[in-house]
Protein backbone atom coordinates (compact mmCIF):
# COMPACT_ATOMS: atom_id res chain seq x y z
CA MET A 1 0.93 16.75 -13.24
CA TYR A 2 4.30 15.35 -12.25
CA PHE A 3 5.85 12.57 -14.37
CA ASP A 4 9.06 10.74 -13.44
CA PHE A 5 10.92 10.74 -16.76
CA ASP A 6 14.04 9.37 -15.05
CA TYR A 7 12.34 6.10 -14.07
CA TYR A 8 10.39 6.00 -17.33
CA TRP A 9 13.56 5.96 -19.43
CA LYS A 10 15.22 3.39 -17.15
CA VAL A 11 12.26 1.03 -17.44
CA LEU A 12 11.99 1.58 -21.19
CA LYS A 13 15.70 0.78 -21.71
CA HIS A 14 15.49 -2.29 -19.50
CA VAL A 15 12.44 -3.74 -21.24
CA ALA A 16 13.98 -3.02 -24.66
CA SER A 17 17.05 -5.04 -23.60
CA LEU A 18 14.96 -8.16 -22.83
CA LYS A 19 15.13 -9.46 -26.38
CA GLY A 20 14.41 -13.04 -25.42
CA TRP A 21 11.26 -12.23 -23.43
CA LYS A 22 7.96 -13.02 -25.11
CA GLY A 23 6.18 -10.12 -23.46
CA ARG A 24 8.75 -7.56 -24.63
CA ASN A 25 6.83 -6.15 -27.61
CA LYS A 26 3.55 -5.92 -25.70
CA THR A 27 5.23 -4.11 -22.81
CA LEU A 28 7.09 -1.77 -25.18
CA PHE A 29 3.74 -0.90 -26.76
CA LYS A 30 2.42 0.01 -23.31
CA LEU A 31 5.49 2.09 -22.54
CA LEU A 32 5.79 3.87 -25.88
CA ILE A 33 2.11 4.41 -26.69
CA LEU A 34 -0.24 3.82 -23.77
CA VAL A 35 1.78 5.34 -20.91
CA PRO A 36 2.45 8.71 -22.64
CA LEU A 37 -1.14 8.91 -23.89
CA GLU A 38 -2.64 8.04 -20.53
CA SER A 39 -0.38 10.42 -18.62
CA ALA A 40 -1.09 13.26 -21.07
CA ILE A 41 -4.85 12.81 -20.60
CA HIS A 42 -4.54 12.67 -16.81
CA SER A 43 -2.32 15.79 -16.87
CA ILE A 44 -4.97 17.77 -18.74
CA PHE A 45 -7.66 16.76 -16.26
CA PHE A 46 -5.27 17.41 -13.37
CA LEU A 47 -4.87 20.99 -14.57
CA LEU A 48 -8.61 21.42 -15.16
CA ASP A 49 -9.26 20.47 -11.53
CA TYR A 50 -8.16 23.95 -10.47
CA VAL A 51 -10.51 25.51 -13.01
CA PHE A 52 -13.63 23.51 -12.15
CA PHE A 53 -12.94 23.25 -8.41
CA PRO A 54 -11.42 26.55 -7.22
CA SER A 55 -11.69 25.41 -3.58
CA LEU A 56 -8.82 23.04 -4.40
CA TRP A 57 -6.48 26.04 -4.16
CA THR A 58 -7.13 26.28 -0.42
CA GLN A 59 -7.81 22.62 0.38
CA LYS A 60 -5.72 21.39 3.34
CA VAL A 61 -4.51 17.97 4.42
CA VAL A 62 -4.86 18.15 8.20
CA GLN A 63 -3.30 15.61 10.58
CA PRO A 64 -3.24 12.65 8.16
CA ILE A 65 -2.73 9.19 9.61
CA PHE A 66 -0.28 6.77 8.03
CA VAL A 67 -0.43 3.04 8.73
CA LEU A 68 3.03 1.65 7.92
CA GLY A 69 4.74 -1.67 8.47
CA HIS A 70 6.08 -4.69 6.68
CA ALA A 71 3.65 -6.19 4.19
CA ARG A 72 1.58 -9.00 5.76
CA SER A 73 1.89 -7.40 9.19
CA GLY A 74 -1.77 -6.41 9.59
CA THR A 75 -1.73 -3.06 7.77
CA THR A 76 -4.85 -3.96 5.78
CA LEU A 77 -6.77 -5.16 8.82
CA THR A 78 -5.88 -2.06 10.84
CA HIS A 79 -6.71 0.26 7.95
CA ARG A 80 -10.05 -1.48 7.45
CA LEU A 81 -10.97 -1.28 11.13
CA LEU A 82 -10.12 2.42 11.33
CA SER A 83 -11.81 3.35 8.06
CA ALA A 84 -15.08 1.90 9.39
CA ASP A 85 -15.35 4.85 11.79
CA GLY A 86 -18.30 6.56 10.15
CA ASP A 87 -17.39 9.63 8.09
CA ARG A 88 -14.21 10.49 9.98
CA PHE A 89 -11.66 9.25 7.45
CA ASN A 90 -10.79 9.76 3.81
CA ASP A 91 -9.19 7.00 1.75
CA PHE A 92 -9.05 5.70 -1.80
CA LEU A 93 -11.02 2.90 -3.38
CA TYR A 94 -8.84 0.91 -5.74
CA TRP A 95 -10.63 2.11 -8.89
CA GLU A 96 -10.19 5.72 -7.83
CA MET A 97 -6.41 5.35 -7.91
CA PHE A 98 -6.48 4.90 -11.68
CA PHE A 99 -7.88 8.42 -11.99
CA PRO A 100 -5.76 10.96 -10.08
CA SER A 101 -7.86 13.93 -11.20
CA LEU A 102 -10.84 15.11 -9.15
CA LEU A 103 -12.75 15.94 -12.33
CA GLU A 104 -12.21 12.42 -13.69
CA LYS A 105 -13.60 10.83 -10.56
CA LYS A 106 -16.57 13.18 -10.49
CA ILE A 107 -17.42 12.26 -14.10
CA ILE A 108 -17.10 8.52 -13.40
CA ARG A 109 -19.29 8.76 -10.30
CA PHE A 110 -21.88 10.67 -12.34
CA LEU A 111 -21.83 8.04 -15.09
CA GLY A 112 -22.12 5.31 -12.44
CA LYS A 113 -25.20 7.02 -11.02
CA ILE A 114 -26.80 7.16 -14.47
CA ASP A 115 -25.99 3.48 -15.03
CA GLN A 116 -27.64 2.54 -11.74
CA ASP A 117 -30.58 4.94 -11.63
CA TRP A 118 -31.60 4.90 -15.29
CA PHE A 119 -30.69 1.40 -16.46
CA GLY A 120 -30.49 -0.75 -13.33
CA GLY A 121 -26.70 -1.05 -13.25
CA PRO A 122 -25.74 -3.30 -16.22
CA ILE A 123 -22.27 -1.77 -16.46
CA LYS A 124 -21.70 -2.16 -12.72
CA LYS A 125 -22.73 -5.83 -12.94
CA ARG A 126 -20.21 -6.44 -15.71
CA LEU A 127 -17.50 -4.71 -13.71
CA VAL A 128 -18.31 -6.85 -10.65
CA LYS A 129 -17.94 -9.97 -12.77
CA LEU A 130 -14.65 -8.70 -14.19
CA ASP A 131 -13.51 -7.82 -10.67
CA ASP A 132 -14.09 -11.41 -9.53
CA GLN A 133 -12.26 -12.80 -12.56
CA ILE A 134 -9.19 -10.61 -12.04
CA PHE A 135 -8.85 -10.63 -8.25
CA GLY A 136 -10.81 -13.72 -7.21
CA PRO A 137 -7.97 -16.25 -7.66
CA TYR A 138 -5.68 -14.21 -5.37
CA ARG A 139 -8.05 -13.17 -2.59
CA HIS A 140 -6.96 -16.04 -0.34
CA MET A 141 -3.58 -14.28 -0.15
CA HIS A 142 -4.69 -10.65 -0.08
CA TYR A 143 -8.19 -9.31 -0.59
CA MET A 144 -8.45 -6.89 -3.50
CA SER A 145 -11.37 -5.36 -5.33
CA LEU A 146 -12.07 -2.27 -7.40
CA TRP A 147 -14.35 -1.15 -4.56
CA ALA A 148 -12.01 -1.91 -1.65
CA SER A 149 -9.59 0.52 -0.04
CA GLU A 150 -6.00 -0.08 -1.05
CA GLU A 151 -2.49 1.30 -0.77
CA ASP A 152 -2.92 4.87 -1.95
CA GLN A 153 0.61 5.06 -3.31
CA PHE A 154 -0.94 3.30 -6.32
CA SER A 155 -2.62 6.64 -7.07
CA MET A 156 0.77 7.88 -8.30
CA ARG A 157 0.76 5.30 -11.08
CA ALA A 158 -0.02 7.82 -13.84
CA SER A 159 3.08 9.79 -12.87
CA PHE A 160 5.17 6.61 -13.33
CA VAL A 161 5.78 6.34 -9.60
CA SER A 162 4.57 2.80 -9.03
CA GLN A 163 6.01 -0.48 -7.82
CA GLN A 164 3.60 -2.16 -10.22
CA TRP A 165 6.24 -2.18 -12.97
CA SER A 166 8.54 -4.26 -10.76
CA LEU A 167 5.73 -6.77 -10.25
CA GLU A 168 5.18 -6.99 -13.99
CA VAL A 169 8.90 -7.22 -14.81
CA PRO A 170 11.40 -8.22 -12.08
CA MET A 171 13.63 -5.13 -12.05
CA MET A 172 14.04 -3.91 -8.51
CA ASP A 173 17.66 -3.28 -9.44
CA VAL A 174 16.45 -0.77 -12.07
CA ILE A 175 13.93 1.30 -10.11
CA ASP A 176 13.85 1.81 -6.36
CA MET A 177 10.49 2.65 -4.80
CA PHE A 178 11.61 2.23 -1.19
CA HIS A 179 14.57 4.45 -0.35
CA VAL A 180 12.80 7.76 -0.98
CA ASP A 181 14.22 9.34 2.19
CA LYS A 182 17.66 9.02 0.58
CA MET A 183 16.60 10.64 -2.73
CA PRO A 184 16.55 14.43 -2.17
CA ALA A 185 15.14 15.38 -5.58
CA LYS A 186 12.60 12.58 -5.86
CA ARG A 187 11.33 12.85 -2.28
CA LYS A 188 10.38 16.49 -2.79
CA ARG A 189 8.65 15.93 -6.13
CA TRP A 190 7.03 12.60 -5.26
CA LEU A 191 5.61 13.77 -1.96
CA HIS A 192 4.37 17.06 -3.42
CA HIS A 193 2.53 15.14 -6.14
CA TYR A 194 1.19 12.65 -3.62
CA LYS A 195 -0.13 15.53 -1.49
CA GLU A 196 -1.86 17.03 -4.54
CA ILE A 197 -3.64 13.72 -5.18
CA VAL A 198 -4.67 13.40 -1.53
CA LYS A 199 -6.06 16.96 -1.56
CA ARG A 200 -8.27 16.02 -4.50
CA GLN A 201 -9.52 12.88 -2.79
CA ILE A 202 -10.38 14.76 0.39
CA LEU A 203 -12.31 17.36 -1.60
CA LEU A 204 -14.10 14.58 -3.48
CA ASN A 205 -15.30 13.20 -0.14
CA GLY A 206 -16.47 16.48 1.34
CA GLY A 207 -13.27 18.39 2.11
CA ASP A 208 -13.25 17.94 5.89
CA LYS A 209 -12.13 14.35 6.49
CA THR A 210 -8.87 13.04 7.93
CA HIS A 211 -6.81 11.21 5.36
CA LEU A 212 -6.05 7.60 6.29
CA SER A 213 -3.24 5.91 4.38
CA LYS A 214 -1.77 2.42 4.53
CA ASN A 215 1.36 1.71 2.55
CA PRO A 216 4.05 -0.85 3.43
CA VAL A 217 6.37 0.65 0.79
CA MET A 218 6.22 3.98 2.64
CA CYS A 219 8.30 2.48 5.43
CA GLY A 220 11.17 3.96 3.43
CA TRP A 221 9.39 7.32 3.14
CA VAL A 222 8.92 8.15 6.82
CA ASP A 223 11.18 11.21 6.97
CA SER A 224 9.70 12.51 3.70
CA ILE A 225 6.17 12.05 5.06
CA ILE A 226 6.97 14.03 8.19
CA GLU A 227 8.61 16.77 6.13
CA THR A 228 5.58 17.02 3.80
CA PHE A 229 2.94 16.58 6.51
CA PRO A 230 4.41 18.05 9.74
CA ASP A 231 1.20 17.26 11.64
CA ALA A 232 1.05 13.63 10.50
CA LYS A 233 0.28 10.78 12.90
CA ILE A 234 1.97 7.44 12.29
CA LEU A 235 1.16 3.85 13.19
CA VAL A 236 3.78 1.15 12.66
CA MET A 237 2.53 -2.41 12.47
CA MET A 238 4.86 -4.96 14.00
CA ARG A 239 4.81 -8.70 13.31
CA ASN A 240 7.38 -11.46 13.86
CA PRO A 241 9.69 -11.26 10.81
CA LEU A 242 10.02 -15.06 10.79
CA GLU A 243 6.39 -14.98 9.65
CA CYS A 244 5.92 -11.87 7.52
CA ILE A 245 9.21 -11.75 5.57
CA PRO A 246 8.82 -15.17 3.89
CA SER A 247 5.11 -14.40 3.49
CA VAL A 248 5.72 -11.31 1.35
CA LEU A 249 8.49 -13.03 -0.61
CA LYS A 250 6.06 -15.80 -1.46
CA LEU A 251 3.36 -13.30 -2.42
CA VAL A 252 5.62 -11.43 -4.84
CA GLU A 253 7.10 -14.66 -6.20
CA VAL A 254 3.60 -15.92 -7.00
CA SER A 255 3.03 -12.69 -8.95
CA TRP A 256 6.22 -13.13 -10.98
CA LYS A 257 5.54 -16.79 -11.66
CA GLY A 258 2.06 -15.84 -12.80
CA LYS A 259 3.71 -13.60 -15.41
CA LYS A 260 5.74 -16.63 -16.60
CA TRP A 261 9.08 -15.48 -15.21
CA ASN A 262 11.61 -18.17 -14.21
CA LYS A 263 13.45 -18.15 -10.90
CA ASP A 264 16.69 -17.08 -12.59
CA ASP A 265 14.84 -14.08 -14.03
CA TYR A 266 13.68 -12.75 -10.69
CA ALA A 267 16.46 -13.98 -8.37
CA ALA A 268 18.23 -10.59 -8.22
CA SER A 269 14.98 -8.72 -7.50
CA LEU A 270 14.04 -11.26 -4.85
CA ASN A 271 17.38 -10.67 -3.12
CA ILE A 272 16.79 -6.91 -3.17
CA LEU A 273 13.28 -7.38 -1.81
CA THR A 274 14.73 -9.52 0.98
CA ASP A 275 17.18 -6.78 1.97
CA ILE A 276 14.39 -4.19 1.87
CA SER A 277 12.35 -6.38 4.20
CA PHE A 278 14.94 -5.89 6.91
CA GLU A 279 15.03 -2.13 6.30
CA THR A 280 11.23 -2.06 6.59
CA PHE A 281 11.67 -2.86 10.27
CA ILE A 282 14.76 -0.76 10.94
CA HIS A 283 14.10 2.50 9.06
CA PRO A 284 10.77 3.60 10.60
CA LYS A 285 12.08 2.94 14.10
CA LYS A 286 15.20 4.99 13.41
CA ILE A 287 13.36 7.96 11.88
CA LEU A 288 10.52 8.08 14.40
CA ALA A 289 13.05 8.04 17.25
CA GLN A 290 14.36 11.30 15.78
CA HIS A 291 10.83 12.76 15.74
CA SER A 292 9.47 12.03 19.19
CA ASN A 293 7.05 14.95 18.80
CA VAL A 294 5.16 13.07 16.07
CA PRO A 295 2.09 11.25 17.46
CA GLN A 296 2.97 7.61 16.92
CA MET A 297 2.31 4.08 18.07
CA VAL A 298 3.70 0.62 17.40
CA VAL A 299 0.82 -1.82 16.93
CA ASP A 300 1.39 -5.49 17.76
CA TYR A 301 0.06 -7.84 15.08
CA ARG A 302 -0.88 -10.38 17.75
CA LYS A 303 -3.03 -7.80 19.49
CA ILE A 304 -4.83 -6.46 16.42
CA THR A 305 -5.76 -10.01 15.33
CA THR A 306 -6.87 -11.27 18.75
CA GLU A 307 -8.01 -8.13 20.58
CA PRO A 308 -9.01 -5.71 17.79
CA ARG A 309 -11.35 -3.55 19.88
CA GLU A 310 -8.91 -2.95 22.73
CA THR A 311 -6.09 -2.35 20.24
CA VAL A 312 -8.06 0.21 18.23
CA LEU A 313 -9.11 1.99 21.44
CA ASN A 314 -5.43 2.20 22.41
CA ILE A 315 -4.62 3.56 18.94
CA TYR A 316 -7.24 6.26 19.30
CA LYS A 317 -5.88 7.20 22.71
CA ALA A 318 -2.29 7.40 21.41
CA LEU A 319 -3.34 9.56 18.45
CA GLY A 320 -5.64 11.80 20.49
CA LEU A 321 -8.88 10.73 18.80
CA ASP A 322 -12.29 10.37 20.41
CA VAL A 323 -14.35 7.18 20.05
CA SER A 324 -18.05 7.51 19.25
CA GLU A 325 -20.58 5.14 20.77
CA SER A 326 -21.62 3.80 17.36
CA TYR A 327 -18.01 3.07 16.39
CA ASP A 328 -17.37 1.32 19.69
CA GLN A 329 -20.40 -0.88 19.01
CA TYR A 330 -18.95 -1.73 15.61
CA LEU A 331 -15.65 -2.72 17.23
CA GLN A 332 -17.47 -4.97 19.66
CA GLN A 333 -19.23 -6.69 16.76
CA GLN A 334 -15.92 -7.17 14.97
CA GLU A 335 -14.18 -8.66 18.00
CA GLU A 336 -15.28 -12.25 17.44
CA LYS A 337 -15.23 -11.97 13.66
CA GLU A 338 -11.57 -10.96 13.48
CA ARG A 339 -10.27 -13.14 16.28
CA GLY A 340 -8.53 -16.19 14.89
CA HIS A 341 -9.35 -15.40 11.28
CA LYS A 342 -7.04 -17.23 8.88
CA THR A 343 -6.19 -17.03 5.22
CA ARG A 344 -5.36 -20.08 3.13
CA PHE A 345 -1.81 -19.06 2.35
CA GLU A 346 1.10 -21.33 3.23
CA TYR A 347 4.81 -20.66 2.93
CA SER A 348 8.09 -21.70 4.51
CA ILE A 349 11.26 -19.80 5.25
CA ASP A 350 13.19 -22.73 3.79
CA ASP A 351 11.84 -21.84 0.34
CA TYR A 352 14.41 -19.03 0.07
CA ASP A 353 18.16 -19.59 -0.23
CA GLN A 354 18.97 -15.96 0.58
CA LEU A 355 16.95 -16.05 3.78
CA SER A 356 17.30 -17.97 7.02
CA ALA A 357 15.91 -17.82 10.52
CA GLU A 358 19.45 -17.27 11.77
CA ARG A 359 19.91 -14.19 9.56
CA ILE A 360 16.56 -12.71 10.60
CA GLU A 361 17.20 -13.26 14.30
CA LYS A 362 20.70 -11.80 14.07
CA GLU A 363 19.91 -8.68 12.04
CA LEU A 364 16.67 -7.93 13.90
CA ASP A 365 17.76 -9.13 17.32
CA ASP A 366 16.64 -5.91 19.06
CA PHE A 367 13.13 -6.33 17.70
CA PHE A 368 12.90 -9.90 19.01
CA ASP A 369 13.89 -8.65 22.45
CA ASP A 370 11.53 -5.64 22.37
CA HIS A 371 8.49 -7.62 21.23
CA GLN A 372 9.30 -10.96 22.87
CA TRP A 373 8.90 -12.91 19.65
CA PRO A 374 9.72 -16.64 19.79
CA LYS A 375 12.87 -17.59 17.96
CA THR A 376 13.68 -20.70 15.93
CA THR A 377 13.62 -23.00 18.93
CA GLU A 378 9.90 -22.29 19.22
CA ALA A 379 9.00 -21.71 15.55
CA VAL A 380 7.10 -24.20 13.42
CA GLU A 381 7.12 -24.68 9.65
CA PRO A 382 5.58 -24.50 7.18
CA TYR A 383 3.61 -21.54 8.48
CA GLU A 384 -0.06 -20.96 7.67
CA ASP A 385 -0.79 -17.25 7.54
CA ALA A 386 -3.26 -16.10 10.20
CA ALA A 387 -3.41 -12.57 8.81
CA SER A 388 -6.58 -10.82 7.78
CA ASP A 389 -4.56 -9.63 4.75
CA GLY A 390 -1.89 -6.95 4.56
C-alpha cells in the first residue's frame, strides 16, 4: 500500500516545531506511534486482498462519474440524488473509508452481521449513539454519519494523503492537497492508489457497479483523473461564489476554532484556502475545455435545489445514462422535499479581511457573466445557507 513519506515528514517536523501548543505531545504520539502502526496493519491487509480475492487482479473501474465543484455548491445533494438510483452506483460509506482493504471491510461486515443476528445489535446501538455525539453538533452545517456516503478521497487517509491533518492543525502552507495536477510524481502515485481503493470498493459491492465520487478537493485533480480514468464522466457543480466561498471559509474556521486554535494561528492557512477557492472555479473549467471528448456537464446549484428531478434527468442525458421508471418515481417524490430546503448556517463575506465581493467579482467575472449571478448591488448579507449540504 502506498504511503506518502514526504508529507508525513513535513507534518511531523511542523507539529514538533509547535512547542507552545498544548496538543503537540498528543499529536506527536499519533504521528510517531499510531500512524505507522495503523498504516502497517492496513498495508498487510491490502496485500492479502490479492490472495483472498483473486478477482481483484482483473477488476475494472468502468466509466466512473466524478461530482466536483466548490464546497457548499451542492455536491452532497447531487451525489445523494444520484446514488439513490437503485444498484447502479458504487460509493463509500464514511466508516468504510477508515478501512482501505477489501478484506478488512468484509470482516467488519461479517462481525456486524453477527452482532445484529445473534445479539440484537448492541454494538451497532452504541456506535449510533457515538455517531450522534461526534457528528450531531455539526449536522446543521454539513450532514455526516458513519453510515452516510462521503468524499471518497478520505479513503486515502491511511496512506497519509488526507486534508484531515490540515483541519486538525492549520498548515495548508505545509501540505498541499489541491494542486495535484501540478505534482507529476504525486499525481501518478496518488491516483494509482486511489484507483486501487476504488477497485476494492466496487468488488465489495458486487463488481459491476459504476463508481460515483464527490470530492470538492479534486477540483485540482481534474487532469490527473482523466489521465487515470480515460473513460471518466465529470459533473461540475456551480454556485455563486459570493455565497459558497465565505460559506466554506466559515465551515473550516469553525473546525479550527473547535480545536482551540486562535485566529493568528490559522490566518495563513485561511488565506491559502481563500486563494484555492478561486482556483476551484477556474481550474476545472480550464482542464475540461482541453478535454471536450470527456462526457461532462456544469450543474447549476439553483437548479438542483429548486428543480432536482429535471436537473438529474438532464444530467443523465448529458452522461448517456438511462432512467428507470422506479428511479424517476423517486425523483418525483424528492422534488418537493428538496425544493427550498435550508440549513441553519449563517455567515457573511465581511467576516474575512482577505476576501471581498469586489475581489470575487473581479477575479471570477467570466463566471458571473456565464451564469448570470447577481453581483453586490443585488446581494444581501448576512447570508443564510440554502444548501442541502456540500
